[in-house]
C-alpha atoms as a PDB file:
ATOM      1  CA  UNK A   1     -20.168 -11.390  -6.361  1.00  0.00           C
ATOM      2  CA  UNK A   2     -18.813  -7.954  -6.955  1.00  0.00           C
ATOM      3  CA  UNK A   3     -15.323  -6.732  -5.892  1.00  0.00           C
ATOM      4  CA  UNK A   4     -15.165  -4.557  -2.821  1.00  0.00           C
ATOM      5  CA  UNK A   5     -12.783  -1.576  -2.993  1.00  0.00           C
ATOM      6  CA  UNK A   6     -11.865   0.526  -0.029  1.00  0.00           C
ATOM      7  CA  UNK A   7      -9.951   3.765   0.003  1.00  0.00           C
ATOM      8  CA  UNK A   8      -6.643   3.870   1.819  1.00  0.00           C
ATOM      9  CA  UNK A   9      -6.630   5.423   5.220  1.00  0.00           C
ATOM     10  CA  UNK A  10      -3.961   7.941   6.289  1.00  0.00           C
ATOM     11  CA  UNK A  11      -1.848   5.287   8.096  1.00  0.00           C
ATOM     12  CA  UNK A  12      -1.775   3.047   4.977  1.00  0.00           C
ATOM     13  CA  UNK A  13      -0.895   6.041   2.815  1.00  0.00           C
ATOM     14  CA  UNK A  14       1.987   6.946   5.107  1.00  0.00           C
ATOM     15  CA  UNK A  15       3.256   3.359   5.157  1.00  0.00           C
ATOM     16  CA  UNK A  16       3.297   3.334   1.287  1.00  0.00           C
ATOM     17  CA  UNK A  17       5.110   6.641   1.311  1.00  0.00           C
ATOM     18  CA  UNK A  18       7.639   5.422   3.815  1.00  0.00           C
ATOM     19  CA  UNK A  19       8.286   2.206   1.917  1.00  0.00           C
ATOM     20  CA  UNK A  20       8.558   4.123  -1.433  1.00  0.00           C
ATOM     21  CA  UNK A  21      11.090   6.514   0.133  1.00  0.00           C
ATOM     22  CA  UNK A  22      13.095   3.435   1.256  1.00  0.00           C
ATOM     23  CA  UNK A  23      13.277   2.398  -2.425  1.00  0.00           C
ATOM     24  CA  UNK A  24      10.918  -0.559  -1.888  1.00  0.00           C
ATOM     25  CA  UNK A  25       9.500  -2.005  -5.162  1.00  0.00           C
ATOM     26  CA  UNK A  26       5.855  -1.520  -5.875  1.00  0.00           C
ATOM     27  CA  UNK A  27       5.481  -5.259  -6.017  1.00  0.00           C
ATOM     28  CA  UNK A  28       7.049  -5.578  -2.530  1.00  0.00           C
ATOM     29  CA  UNK A  29       4.862  -2.752  -1.188  1.00  0.00           C
ATOM     30  CA  UNK A  30       1.806  -4.583  -2.649  1.00  0.00           C
ATOM     31  CA  UNK A  31       2.853  -7.872  -1.045  1.00  0.00           C
ATOM     32  CA  UNK A  32       3.430  -6.179   2.354  1.00  0.00           C
ATOM     33  CA  UNK A  33       0.165  -4.258   2.281  1.00  0.00           C
ATOM     34  CA  UNK A  34      -1.691  -7.506   1.428  1.00  0.00           C
END
């Protein structure tokens, strides 16, 4: 079975931006975004 990749929607992009601005690590952002 192949992998399924979806682009991020605007809400997900904003959430990543907000977490990054709060100095959240990329590993933590990945864990939160699931």
